[in-house]
Amino acid sequence: MNKKDYIANLANELASKGSTMDSKQLASVLNVNGYTTNSGDEYQGLRGTSNVISSAYRNAMAQGDQISADNIATVFTNTAGETPWY
């Protein structure tokens, strides 16, 4: 499964439980599951993680999956609990 679909599935699972995940936690989950940045580096929970969240959102929208897009938009936060992407 590609990382955008993985993030969408994770967002749907988190949303079904009423949970959120910050960007550092997502980075750790992505790294543990073998996903890397486009340059092959591990995620750090910073800008690259926010970029992949945004990319997963755009991918869900392009596929017509509004539910996943909405879940991506609401469950992933920065470490201050705010939306980390635009």
N, C-alpha and C. Protein backbone atom coordinates (compact mmCIF):
# COMPACT_ATOMS: atom_id res chain seq x y z
N MET A 1 0.86 -1.17 0.00
CA MET A 1 0.00 0.00 0.00
C MET A 1 0.90 1.24 0.00
N ASN A 2 0.57 2.21 -0.83
CA ASN A 2 1.38 3.43 -0.84
C ASN A 2 1.10 4.26 0.42
N LYS A 3 2.00 5.18 0.72
CA LYS A 3 1.89 5.91 1.98
C LYS A 3 0.68 6.82 2.05
N LYS A 4 0.22 7.34 0.91
CA LYS A 4 -0.97 8.20 0.92
C LYS A 4 -2.20 7.40 1.30
N ASP A 5 -2.32 6.20 0.74
CA ASP A 5 -3.46 5.34 1.09
C ASP A 5 -3.33 4.85 2.53
N TYR A 6 -2.10 4.58 2.96
CA TYR A 6 -1.88 4.16 4.34
C TYR A 6 -2.35 5.26 5.31
N ILE A 7 -1.99 6.49 5.01
CA ILE A 7 -2.39 7.61 5.86
C ILE A 7 -3.91 7.77 5.86
N ALA A 8 -4.54 7.60 4.71
CA ALA A 8 -6.00 7.69 4.65
C ALA A 8 -6.64 6.60 5.50
N ASN A 9 -6.14 5.37 5.39
CA ASN A 9 -6.69 4.27 6.20
C ASN A 9 -6.48 4.53 7.68
N LEU A 10 -5.31 5.03 8.04
CA LEU A 10 -5.03 5.35 9.44
C LEU A 10 -5.95 6.45 9.93
N ALA A 11 -6.17 7.47 9.11
CA ALA A 11 -7.07 8.56 9.49
C ALA A 11 -8.49 8.04 9.72
N ASN A 12 -8.94 7.15 8.87
CA ASN A 12 -10.28 6.58 9.03
C ASN A 12 -10.39 5.77 10.32
N GLU A 13 -9.35 5.01 10.63
CA GLU A 13 -9.34 4.23 11.86
C GLU A 13 -9.34 5.14 13.09
N LEU A 14 -8.50 6.16 13.07
CA LEU A 14 -8.44 7.10 14.19
C LEU A 14 -9.77 7.83 14.36
N ALA A 15 -10.37 8.26 13.26
CA ALA A 15 -11.64 8.98 13.32
C ALA A 15 -12.73 8.09 13.90
N SER A 16 -12.72 6.81 13.56
CA SER A 16 -13.75 5.90 14.07
C SER A 16 -13.66 5.73 15.58
N LYS A 17 -12.48 6.01 16.12
CA LYS A 17 -12.26 5.91 17.57
C LYS A 17 -12.29 7.26 18.26
N GLY A 18 -12.51 8.33 17.49
CA GLY A 18 -12.52 9.67 18.05
C GLY A 18 -11.15 10.12 18.52
N SER A 19 -10.11 9.61 17.88
CA SER A 19 -8.73 9.92 18.28
C SER A 19 -8.05 10.86 17.30
N THR A 20 -6.98 11.47 17.76
CA THR A 20 -6.12 12.27 16.89
C THR A 20 -4.69 11.76 17.01
N MET A 21 -3.84 12.23 16.12
CA MET A 21 -2.43 11.85 16.15
C MET A 21 -1.62 13.06 15.72
N ASP A 22 -0.59 13.38 16.49
CA ASP A 22 0.23 14.52 16.09
C ASP A 22 1.28 14.09 15.07
N SER A 23 1.91 15.07 14.46
CA SER A 23 2.83 14.80 13.35
C SER A 23 4.05 13.98 13.78
N LYS A 24 4.51 14.14 15.00
CA LYS A 24 5.64 13.32 15.47
C LYS A 24 5.22 11.86 15.63
N GLN A 25 4.00 11.64 16.14
CA GLN A 25 3.51 10.27 16.26
C GLN A 25 3.33 9.65 14.88
N LEU A 26 2.77 10.41 13.94
CA LEU A 26 2.61 9.89 12.59
C LEU A 26 3.97 9.56 11.97
N ALA A 27 4.95 10.42 12.17
CA ALA A 27 6.29 10.16 11.64
C ALA A 27 6.82 8.83 12.16
N SER A 28 6.65 8.59 13.43
CA SER A 28 7.11 7.34 14.03
C SER A 28 6.39 6.14 13.42
N VAL A 29 5.08 6.25 13.27
CA VAL A 29 4.28 5.16 12.68
C VAL A 29 4.73 4.90 11.24
N LEU A 30 4.92 5.96 10.47
CA LEU A 30 5.37 5.79 9.09
C LEU A 30 6.74 5.12 9.04
N ASN A 31 7.66 5.56 9.88
CA ASN A 31 9.01 4.99 9.90
C ASN A 31 8.99 3.51 10.29
N VAL A 32 8.23 3.18 11.32
CA VAL A 32 8.14 1.79 11.79
C VAL A 32 7.59 0.87 10.70
N ASN A 33 6.71 1.42 9.89
CA ASN A 33 6.08 0.63 8.84
C ASN A 33 6.82 0.69 7.50
N GLY A 34 8.02 1.27 7.52
CA GLY A 34 8.88 1.23 6.35
C GLY A 34 8.66 2.33 5.32
N TYR A 35 7.86 3.34 5.65
CA TYR A 35 7.64 4.44 4.73
C TYR A 35 8.71 5.50 4.95
N THR A 36 9.20 6.06 3.86
CA THR A 36 10.23 7.10 3.93
C THR A 36 9.80 8.29 3.09
N THR A 37 10.52 9.39 3.27
CA THR A 37 10.28 10.57 2.44
C THR A 37 10.65 10.25 1.00
N ASN A 38 10.30 11.14 0.09
CA ASN A 38 10.63 10.91 -1.32
C ASN A 38 12.13 10.82 -1.55
N SER A 39 12.92 11.40 -0.64
CA SER A 39 14.38 11.31 -0.77
C SER A 39 14.95 10.12 -0.01
N GLY A 40 14.08 9.28 0.56
CA GLY A 40 14.53 8.06 1.22
C GLY A 40 14.88 8.21 2.68
N ASP A 41 14.65 9.39 3.25
CA ASP A 41 14.96 9.63 4.66
C ASP A 41 13.77 9.25 5.54
N GLU A 42 14.05 9.06 6.82
CA GLU A 42 12.97 8.83 7.77
C GLU A 42 12.24 10.14 8.04
N TYR A 43 10.97 10.01 8.36
CA TYR A 43 10.19 11.18 8.76
C TYR A 43 10.60 11.62 10.15
N GLN A 44 10.58 12.95 10.38
CA GLN A 44 10.98 13.51 11.66
C GLN A 44 9.80 14.14 12.41
N GLY A 45 8.67 14.26 11.75
CA GLY A 45 7.52 14.90 12.38
C GLY A 45 7.49 16.39 12.13
N LEU A 46 8.24 16.83 11.15
CA LEU A 46 8.32 18.26 10.84
C LEU A 46 7.66 18.53 9.50
N ARG A 47 8.28 19.35 8.72
CA ARG A 47 7.72 19.80 7.44
C ARG A 47 7.38 18.64 6.49
N GLY A 48 8.25 17.66 6.40
CA GLY A 48 8.00 16.52 5.51
C GLY A 48 6.75 15.76 5.89
N THR A 49 6.52 15.62 7.19
CA THR A 49 5.32 14.92 7.65
C THR A 49 4.08 15.74 7.32
N SER A 50 4.15 17.04 7.53
CA SER A 50 3.02 17.90 7.17
C SER A 50 2.76 17.85 5.67
N ASN A 51 3.81 17.80 4.88
CA ASN A 51 3.65 17.72 3.42
C ASN A 51 2.97 16.42 3.01
N VAL A 52 3.32 15.31 3.64
CA VAL A 52 2.72 14.04 3.25
C VAL A 52 1.26 13.97 3.71
N ILE A 53 0.93 14.63 4.82
CA ILE A 53 -0.48 14.71 5.24
C ILE A 53 -1.27 15.47 4.18
N SER A 54 -0.74 16.60 3.76
CA SER A 54 -1.40 17.41 2.73
C SER A 54 -1.54 16.63 1.43
N SER A 55 -0.51 15.92 1.06
CA SER A 55 -0.53 15.12 -0.16
C SER A 55 -1.58 14.00 -0.07
N ALA A 56 -1.68 13.37 1.09
CA ALA A 56 -2.68 12.31 1.28
C ALA A 56 -4.08 12.90 1.19
N TYR A 57 -4.28 14.10 1.72
CA TYR A 57 -5.57 14.77 1.62
C TYR A 57 -5.93 15.03 0.15
N ARG A 58 -4.99 15.60 -0.59
CA ARG A 58 -5.24 15.90 -2.01
C ARG A 58 -5.50 14.61 -2.80
N ASN A 59 -4.79 13.55 -2.46
CA ASN A 59 -4.99 12.26 -3.13
C ASN A 59 -6.39 11.72 -2.86
N ALA A 60 -6.85 11.79 -1.62
CA ALA A 60 -8.20 11.32 -1.28
C ALA A 60 -9.25 12.14 -2.04
N MET A 61 -9.06 13.45 -2.10
CA MET A 61 -9.99 14.30 -2.83
C MET A 61 -10.00 13.94 -4.32
N ALA A 62 -8.83 13.71 -4.90
CA ALA A 62 -8.74 13.37 -6.32
C ALA A 62 -9.42 12.04 -6.62
N GLN A 63 -9.44 11.15 -5.63
CA GLN A 63 -10.11 9.86 -5.80
C GLN A 63 -11.60 9.94 -5.48
N GLY A 64 -12.07 11.11 -5.10
CA GLY A 64 -13.47 11.27 -4.77
C GLY A 64 -13.85 10.70 -3.41
N ASP A 65 -12.86 10.54 -2.54
CA ASP A 65 -13.09 9.95 -1.22
C ASP A 65 -13.18 11.07 -0.18
N GLN A 66 -14.31 11.72 -0.13
CA GLN A 66 -14.51 12.87 0.76
C GLN A 66 -14.40 12.47 2.23
N ILE A 67 -14.86 11.27 2.57
CA ILE A 67 -14.80 10.83 3.97
C ILE A 67 -13.35 10.74 4.44
N SER A 68 -12.51 10.08 3.65
CA SER A 68 -11.10 9.98 4.03
C SER A 68 -10.44 11.35 4.07
N ALA A 69 -10.75 12.20 3.09
CA ALA A 69 -10.18 13.55 3.07
C ALA A 69 -10.56 14.31 4.34
N ASP A 70 -11.83 14.24 4.71
CA ASP A 70 -12.28 14.92 5.93
C ASP A 70 -11.58 14.36 7.16
N ASN A 71 -11.42 13.05 7.21
CA ASN A 71 -10.75 12.44 8.36
C ASN A 71 -9.29 12.84 8.42
N ILE A 72 -8.61 12.86 7.29
CA ILE A 72 -7.21 13.31 7.26
C ILE A 72 -7.12 14.73 7.79
N ALA A 73 -8.06 15.56 7.36
CA ALA A 73 -8.04 16.97 7.74
C ALA A 73 -8.27 17.18 9.24
N THR A 74 -8.95 16.25 9.87
CA THR A 74 -9.30 16.48 11.28
C THR A 74 -8.48 15.68 12.28
N VAL A 75 -7.95 14.54 11.91
CA VAL A 75 -7.28 13.72 12.93
C VAL A 75 -5.79 14.02 13.09
N PHE A 76 -5.15 14.54 12.06
CA PHE A 76 -3.71 14.80 12.18
C PHE A 76 -3.45 16.23 12.60
N THR A 77 -2.65 16.40 13.64
CA THR A 77 -2.35 17.71 14.21
C THR A 77 -0.84 17.89 14.34
N ASN A 78 -0.43 19.13 14.63
CA ASN A 78 0.96 19.32 15.02
C ASN A 78 1.05 19.05 16.52
N THR A 79 2.22 19.21 17.11
CA THR A 79 2.36 18.88 18.53
C THR A 79 1.60 19.83 19.45
N ALA A 80 1.13 20.96 18.91
CA ALA A 80 0.31 21.89 19.69
C ALA A 80 -1.18 21.61 19.52
N GLY A 81 -1.51 20.54 18.75
CA GLY A 81 -2.90 20.19 18.55
C GLY A 81 -3.60 20.98 17.45
N GLU A 82 -2.81 21.68 16.62
CA GLU A 82 -3.35 22.49 15.53
C GLU A 82 -3.17 21.80 14.19
N THR A 83 -3.93 22.22 13.19
CA THR A 83 -3.78 21.68 11.85
C THR A 83 -2.39 22.06 11.32
N PRO A 84 -1.58 21.05 10.92
CA PRO A 84 -0.20 21.34 10.52
C PRO A 84 -0.02 21.61 9.04
N TRP A 85 -1.08 21.62 8.28
CA TRP A 85 -0.95 21.76 6.84
C TRP A 85 -2.08 22.63 6.33
N TYR A 86 -1.93 23.09 5.10
CA TYR A 86 -2.95 23.93 4.50
C TYR A 86 -3.29 23.42 3.12
